[in-house]
C-alpha atoms as a PDB file:
ATOM      1  CA  MET A   1     112.473 257.836 -31.077  1.00  0.00           C
ATOM      2  CA  ILE A   2     113.524 256.987 -27.542  1.00  0.00           C
ATOM      3  CA  ALA A   3     113.280 253.194 -26.827  1.00  0.00           C
ATOM      4  CA  VAL A   4     111.715 251.662 -23.462  1.00  0.00           C
ATOM      5  CA  THR A   5     114.960 250.545 -21.720  1.00  0.00           C
ATOM      6  CA  LEU A   6     114.375 248.145 -18.806  1.00  0.00           C
ATOM      7  CA  PRO A   7     116.909 248.396 -15.524  1.00  0.00           C
ATOM      8  CA  ARG A   8     118.633 244.632 -14.827  1.00  0.00           C
ATOM      9  CA  ALA A   9     117.861 245.275 -11.445  1.00  0.00           C
ATOM     10  CA  GLY A  10     113.902 245.695 -10.265  1.00  0.00           C
ATOM     11  CA  LEU A  11     111.265 243.835 -12.653  1.00  0.00           C
ATOM     12  CA  ILE A  12     113.496 241.646 -14.533  1.00  0.00           C
ATOM     13  CA  SER A  13     115.455 240.547 -11.834  1.00  0.00           C
ATOM     14  CA  LEU A  14     112.101 239.032 -10.098  1.00  0.00           C
ATOM     15  CA  LEU A  15     111.094 236.966 -13.187  1.00  0.00           C
ATOM     16  CA  PRO A  16     112.348 233.468 -13.627  1.00  0.00           C
ATOM     17  CA  CYS A  17     113.246 233.754 -17.312  1.00  0.00           C
ATOM     18  CA  GLY A  18     114.073 237.852 -17.287  1.00  0.00           C
ATOM     19  CA  GLN A  19     113.608 240.142 -19.954  1.00  0.00           C
ATOM     20  CA  PHE A  20     112.555 236.942 -22.519  1.00  0.00           C
ATOM     21  CA  LEU A  21     108.869 237.082 -21.042  1.00  0.00           C
ATOM     22  CA  LEU A  22     108.344 240.392 -22.625  1.00  0.00           C
ATOM     23  CA  ASN A  23     108.568 238.130 -25.980  1.00  0.00           C
ATOM     24  CA  CYS A  24     105.962 235.823 -24.780  1.00  0.00           C
ATOM     25  CA  ASN A  25     102.631 235.773 -25.707  1.00  0.00           C
ATOM     26  CA  PHE A  26     101.566 235.636 -21.715  1.00  0.00           C
ATOM     27  CA  ASP A  27      98.767 236.052 -19.573  1.00  0.00           C
ATOM     28  CA  PHE A  28      99.763 237.234 -15.746  1.00  0.00           C
ATOM     29  CA  LYS A  29      97.359 234.927 -14.079  1.00  0.00           C
ATOM     30  CA  TYR A  30      98.576 231.972 -15.631  1.00  0.00           C
ATOM     31  CA  LEU A  31     102.513 232.723 -14.770  1.00  0.00           C
ATOM     32  CA  ASN A  32     103.527 230.818 -11.578  1.00  0.00           C
ATOM     33  CA  VAL A  33     105.325 233.964 -10.214  1.00  0.00           C
ATOM     34  CA  LYS A  34     104.527 236.582  -7.241  1.00  0.00           C
ATOM     35  CA  ILE A  35     105.306 240.179  -7.949  1.00  0.00           C
ATOM     36  CA  PRO A  36     105.594 241.873  -4.700  1.00  0.00           C
ATOM     37  CA  ILE A  37     105.588 245.177  -5.827  1.00  0.00           C
ATOM     38  CA  ILE A  38     102.141 246.014  -7.010  1.00  0.00           C
ATOM     39  CA  PHE A  39     103.739 248.779  -9.638  1.00  0.00           C
ATOM     40  CA  TYR A  40     105.859 246.188 -11.352  1.00  0.00           C
ATOM     41  CA  GLU A  41     102.818 244.086 -11.646  1.00  0.00           C
ATOM     42  CA  LYS A  42     100.759 246.715 -13.176  1.00  0.00           C
ATOM     43  CA  VAL A  43     103.746 247.095 -15.808  1.00  0.00           C
ATOM     44  CA  LEU A  44     103.509 243.533 -16.719  1.00  0.00           C
ATOM     45  CA  LEU A  45      99.733 243.734 -17.176  1.00  0.00           C
ATOM     46  CA  ALA A  46     100.365 246.973 -19.424  1.00  0.00           C
ATOM     47  CA  TRP A  47     102.364 245.028 -21.556  1.00  0.00           C
ATOM     48  CA  GLN A  48     100.282 242.172 -21.458  1.00  0.00           C
ATOM     49  CA  SER A  49      97.754 243.880 -23.257  1.00  0.00           C
ATOM     50  CA  ILE A  50      99.924 245.452 -25.832  1.00  0.00           C
ATOM     51  CA  ASN A  51     101.227 242.131 -26.814  1.00  0.00           C
ATOM     52  CA  LEU A  52      98.193 240.114 -26.729  1.00  0.00           C
ATOM     53  CA  PHE A  53      98.118 238.108 -29.589  1.00  0.00           C
ATOM     54  CA  THR A  54      95.697 234.971 -30.730  1.00  0.00           C
ATOM     55  CA  PRO A  55      97.417 233.016 -33.885  1.00  0.00           C
ATOM     56  CA  SER A  56      95.154 231.282 -36.239  1.00  0.00           C
ATOM     57  CA  SER A  57      97.001 230.378 -39.444  1.00  0.00           C
ATOM     58  CA  LYS A  58      99.621 227.859 -39.541  1.00  0.00           C
ATOM     59  CA  GLU A  59     102.583 230.140 -39.879  1.00  0.00           C
ATOM     60  CA  GLU A  60     100.998 232.218 -36.761  1.00  0.00           C
ATOM     61  CA  ILE A  61     101.119 228.754 -34.536  1.00  0.00           C
ATOM     62  CA  LEU A  62     104.552 227.883 -35.762  1.00  0.00           C
ATOM     63  CA  ASP A  63     106.092 231.148 -34.867  1.00  0.00           C
ATOM     64  CA  GLU A  64     104.176 231.134 -31.367  1.00  0.00           C
ATOM     65  CA  ILE A  65     106.740 230.688 -28.225  1.00  0.00           C
ATOM     66  CA  LEU A  66     106.306 227.498 -26.409  1.00  0.00           C
ATOM     67  CA  TRP A  67     107.344 229.038 -23.174  1.00  0.00           C
ATOM     68  CA  ASN A  68     104.849 231.248 -20.644  1.00  0.00           C
ATOM     69  CA  ASN A  69     102.220 230.876 -23.567  1.00  0.00           C
ATOM     70  CA  ARG A  70      99.244 231.909 -22.035  1.00  0.00           C
ATOM     71  CA  PHE A  71      97.624 228.988 -24.464  1.00  0.00           C
ATOM     72  CA  ILE A  72      99.965 226.453 -23.463  1.00  0.00           C
ATOM     73  CA  ARG A  73      99.584 225.372 -20.091  1.00  0.00           C
ATOM     74  CA  ILE A  74     100.043 222.374 -17.791  1.00  0.00           C
ATOM     75  CA  CYS A  75      98.101 222.249 -14.474  1.00  0.00           C
ATOM     76  CA  ASN A  76      96.671 225.735 -15.748  1.00  0.00           C
ATOM     77  CA  TYR A  77      99.990 227.526 -15.555  1.00  0.00           C
ATOM     78  CA  SER A  78     102.260 228.319 -18.599  1.00  0.00           C
ATOM     79  CA  VAL A  79     105.092 226.665 -18.784  1.00  0.00           C
ATOM     80  CA  TYR A  80     109.179 227.751 -18.892  1.00  0.00           C
ATOM     81  CA  TYR A  81     112.141 225.068 -18.953  1.00  0.00           C
ATOM     82  CA  LYS A  82     115.086 227.081 -19.193  1.00  0.00           C
ATOM     83  CA  GLU A  83     117.264 224.580 -20.038  1.00  0.00           C
ATOM     84  CA  TRP A  84     115.054 224.018 -23.343  1.00  0.00           C
ATOM     85  CA  ASN A  85     115.229 227.569 -23.859  1.00  0.00           C
ATOM     86  CA  GLU A  86     118.735 227.589 -23.636  1.00  0.00           C
ATOM     87  CA  ALA A  87     119.324 224.981 -25.704  1.00  0.00           C
ATOM     88  CA  GLY A  88     117.543 226.210 -28.521  1.00  0.00           C
ATOM     89  CA  VAL A  89     113.430 225.262 -27.976  1.00  0.00           C
ATOM     90  CA  LYS A  90     111.614 228.389 -28.383  1.00  0.00           C
ATOM     91  CA  LYS A  91     108.618 228.001 -30.685  1.00  0.00           C
ATOM     92  CA  ILE A  92     106.129 225.459 -31.718  1.00  0.00           C
ATOM     93  CA  ARG A  93     108.358 224.834 -35.169  1.00  0.00           C
ATOM     94  CA  ASP A  94     111.123 223.643 -33.169  1.00  0.00           C
ATOM     95  CA  ILE A  95     109.161 220.462 -32.058  1.00  0.00           C
ATOM     96  CA  PHE A  96     107.068 220.347 -34.910  1.00  0.00           C
ATOM     97  CA  ASN A  97     108.243 219.417 -38.574  1.00  0.00           C
ATOM     98  CA  ASP A  98     106.416 217.567 -41.696  1.00  0.00           C
ATOM     99  CA  ASN A  99     102.853 217.619 -40.045  1.00  0.00           C
ATOM    100  CA  THR A 100     103.970 215.914 -36.556  1.00  0.00           C
ATOM    101  CA  PHE A 101     105.442 216.194 -33.591  1.00  0.00           C
ATOM    102  CA  ILE A 102     109.524 215.127 -33.996  1.00  0.00           C
ATOM    103  CA  SER A 103     109.758 212.010 -31.841  1.00  0.00           C
ATOM    104  CA  TYR A 104     111.242 211.775 -28.339  1.00  0.00           C
ATOM    105  CA  ARG A 105     114.783 210.126 -29.404  1.00  0.00           C
ATOM    106  CA  ASP A 106     115.020 212.624 -32.603  1.00  0.00           C
ATOM    107  CA  PHE A 107     114.314 215.913 -29.955  1.00  0.00           C
ATOM    108  CA  CYS A 108     116.867 214.502 -27.564  1.00  0.00           C
ATOM    109  CA  SER A 109     119.830 213.490 -30.087  1.00  0.00           C
ATOM    110  CA  HIS A 110     119.270 216.494 -32.188  1.00  0.00           C
ATOM    111  CA  LEU A 111     119.312 219.173 -29.394  1.00  0.00           C
ATOM    112  CA  GLY A 112     121.386 216.850 -26.786  1.00  0.00           C
ATOM    113  CA  LEU A 113     118.828 217.505 -24.033  1.00  0.00           C
ATOM    114  CA  LYS A 114     118.237 215.041 -21.137  1.00  0.00           C
ATOM    115  CA  THR A 115     114.907 214.651 -20.350  1.00  0.00           C
ATOM    116  CA  ASN A 116     111.970 212.767 -19.422  1.00  0.00           C
ATOM    117  CA  PHE A 117     109.807 211.236 -22.266  1.00  0.00           C
ATOM    118  CA  LEU A 118     106.766 211.934 -20.159  1.00  0.00           C
ATOM    119  CA  THR A 119     108.069 215.974 -19.781  1.00  0.00           C
ATOM    120  CA  TYR A 120     108.049 216.290 -23.933  1.00  0.00           C
ATOM    121  CA  TYR A 121     105.210 214.319 -24.537  1.00  0.00           C
ATOM    122  CA  GLY A 122     103.498 216.571 -21.646  1.00  0.00           C
ATOM    123  CA  LEU A 123     104.518 219.738 -23.327  1.00  0.00           C
ATOM    124  CA  CYS A 124     103.081 218.807 -26.867  1.00  0.00           C
ATOM    125  CA  GLN A 125     100.011 217.319 -25.351  1.00  0.00           C
ATOM    126  CA  ALA A 126      99.845 221.130 -24.001  1.00  0.00           C
ATOM    127  CA  ILE A 127      99.496 222.614 -26.982  1.00  0.00           C
ATOM    128  CA  PRO A 128      95.566 223.653 -28.073  1.00  0.00           C
ATOM    129  CA  SER A 129      93.939 220.728 -30.162  1.00  0.00           C
ATOM    130  CA  ASN A 130      92.652 222.864 -32.472  1.00  0.00           C
ATOM    131  CA  TRP A 131      96.326 224.322 -33.060  1.00  0.00           C
ATOM    132  CA  ILE A 132      97.366 220.624 -34.013  1.00  0.00           C
ATOM    133  CA  LYS A 133      94.567 220.272 -36.239  1.00  0.00           C
ATOM    134  CA  ILE A 134      95.402 223.363 -38.247  1.00  0.00           C
ATOM    135  CA  LEU A 135      99.045 222.308 -37.940  1.00  0.00           C
ATOM    136  CA  LYS A 136      98.133 218.840 -39.286  1.00  0.00           C
ATOM    137  CA  GLY A 137      95.969 220.185 -41.971  1.00  0.00           C
ATOM    138  CA  LYS A 138      92.875 218.454 -40.695  1.00  0.00           C
ATOM    139  CA  VAL A 139      91.071 221.956 -40.253  1.00  0.00           C
ATOM    140  CA  LEU A 140      91.357 224.993 -42.239  1.00  0.00           C
ATOM    141  CA  PRO A 141      92.063 228.112 -40.280  1.00  0.00           C
ATOM    142  CA  GLN A 142      89.624 230.674 -39.692  1.00  0.00           C
ATOM    143  CA  PRO A 143      89.717 233.758 -42.095  1.00  0.00           C
ATOM    144  CA  ASN A 144      89.695 236.091 -39.286  1.00  0.00           C
ATOM    145  CA  GLU A 145      91.072 239.525 -39.290  1.00  0.00           C
ATOM    146  CA  PRO A 146      94.358 239.472 -38.063  1.00  0.00           C
ATOM    147  CA  THR A 147      94.695 239.593 -34.181  1.00  0.00           C
ATOM    148  CA  ASN A 148      98.533 240.881 -34.422  1.00  0.00           C
ATOM    149  CA  MET A 149      97.622 244.483 -36.274  1.00  0.00           C
ATOM    150  CA  ASN A 150      98.484 246.224 -33.440  1.00  0.00           C
ATOM    151  CA  ARG A 151     100.830 244.524 -31.488  1.00  0.00           C
ATOM    152  CA  ILE A 152     104.015 246.314 -31.099  1.00  0.00           C
ATOM    153  CA  PRO A 153     107.188 244.258 -31.085  1.00  0.00           C
ATOM    154  CA  LEU A 154     109.590 244.459 -28.457  1.00  0.00           C
ATOM    155  CA  GLU A 155     112.420 245.902 -30.243  1.00  0.00           C
ATOM    156  CA  ASN A 156     110.404 248.643 -31.636  1.00  0.00           C
ATOM    157  CA  LEU A 157     108.702 249.584 -28.194  1.00  0.00           C
ATOM    158  CA  SER A 158     108.947 253.529 -27.021  1.00  0.00           C
ATOM    159  CA  CYS A 159     107.327 255.325 -24.490  1.00  0.00           C
ATOM    160  CA  LYS A 160     105.048 257.125 -27.099  1.00  0.00           C
ATOM    161  CA  LEU A 161     103.984 253.936 -28.639  1.00  0.00           C
ATOM    162  CA  ALA A 162     102.701 252.324 -25.841  1.00  0.00           C
ATOM    163  CA  THR A 163     101.069 255.233 -24.172  1.00  0.00           C
ATOM    164  CA  ASN A 164      99.112 256.222 -27.683  1.00  0.00           C
ATOM    165  CA  TYR A 165      97.885 252.486 -28.026  1.00  0.00           C
ATOM    166  CA  LEU A 166      96.909 252.500 -24.364  1.00  0.00           C
ATOM    167  CA  VAL A 167      95.057 255.827 -24.863  1.00  0.00           C
ATOM    168  CA  GLU A 168      93.158 254.333 -27.940  1.00  0.00           C
ATOM    169  CA  LYS A 169      92.263 251.571 -26.171  1.00  0.00           C
ATOM    170  CA  LYS A 170      90.969 252.657 -22.809  1.00  0.00           C
ATOM    171  CA  PHE A 171      89.267 255.902 -24.066  1.00  0.00           C
ATOM    172  CA  VAL A 172      86.233 256.157 -26.095  1.00  0.00           C
ATOM    173  CA  SER A 173      85.588 259.470 -27.741  1.00  0.00           C
ATOM    174  CA  ALA A 174      82.808 261.385 -25.869  1.00  0.00           C
ATOM    175  CA  THR A 175      80.842 261.936 -29.321  1.00  0.00           C
ATOM    176  CA  VAL A 176      80.833 257.865 -29.792  1.00  0.00           C
ATOM    177  CA  GLU A 177      79.375 257.388 -26.234  1.00  0.00           C
ATOM    178  CA  LYS A 178      76.725 260.125 -26.767  1.00  0.00           C
ATOM    179  CA  ILE A 179      75.823 258.471 -29.970  1.00  0.00           C
ATOM    180  CA  GLU A 180      75.567 255.111 -28.357  1.00  0.00           C
ATOM    181  CA  LYS A 181      73.239 256.200 -25.765  1.00  0.00           C
ATOM    182  CA  SER A 182      70.923 258.159 -27.675  1.00  0.00           C
ATOM    183  CA  THR A 183      70.863 255.003 -30.126  1.00  0.00           C
ATOM    184  CA  VAL A 184      69.810 253.185 -26.771  1.00  0.00           C
ATOM    185  CA  ALA A 185      67.264 255.529 -25.975  1.00  0.00           C
ATOM    186  CA  SER A 186      66.053 255.962 -29.304  1.00  0.00           C
ATOM    187  CA  LYS A 187      65.324 252.270 -29.513  1.00  0.00           C
ATOM    188  CA  GLY A 188      63.736 251.903 -25.954  1.00  0.00           C
ATOM    189  CA  HIS A 189      61.283 255.048 -26.637  1.00  0.00           C
ATOM    190  CA  ILE A 190      60.064 252.928 -29.865  1.00  0.00           C
ATOM    191  CA  LEU A 191      59.452 250.299 -28.208  1.00  0.00           C
ATOM    192  CA  PHE A 192      57.825 251.594 -25.482  1.00  0.00           C
ATOM    193  CA  HIS A 193      55.457 253.339 -27.806  1.00  0.00           C
ATOM    194  CA  LEU A 194      54.697 249.757 -29.909  1.00  0.00           C
ATOM    195  CA  PHE A 195      54.122 248.058 -26.902  1.00  0.00           C
ATOM    196  CA  PHE A 196      51.642 250.466 -25.613  1.00  0.00           C
ATOM    197  CA  PHE A 197      49.973 251.256 -28.974  1.00  0.00           C
ATOM    198  CA  SER A 198      49.441 247.231 -29.470  1.00  0.00           C
ATOM    199  CA  LEU A 199      47.678 246.914 -25.901  1.00  0.00           C
ATOM    200  CA  ALA A 200      45.566 250.140 -26.841  1.00  0.00           C
ATOM    201  CA  THR A 201      44.302 248.611 -29.912  1.00  0.00           C
END
């Protein structure tokens, strides 16, 4: 297996948080960043489609990375606080404990961070309300089919895995397409005859 390695120069140098972004559950349209080279933008969009994930259980939500998260937005942009990330604040579980957000005072003293309380509570408020309800046990998570079944962890990524994933997602076999078209056509044919038969009678 050949692992994908990204050069230090190039795409990574254009991102404010570097390669860390590739670990995040991001959506390119919510990133406050401009990529001047279209190829690099398409690379990010391809990785976004591979890394796409919608958490539904309490553990999945707690494990969500706060930064560059497509669901956690302020002024319609994903958030990234470099100092907080470097201090160890990475996931929702780092600011949520015992069914509630940790207090601003405890947050600052525990991590040794100096920050405005509005910034801290602003981030807490940016977390989707339905996630908070699940974390507090006020709403039971929906028993949906796991959405991370095909997610490829960055450390396991290879050209082969990425190519297979994108090909399977992008292309539909000709046989399936023919069946779908014939099904639609036959339904239309039946409806056509039923309609005119009812008019004749």
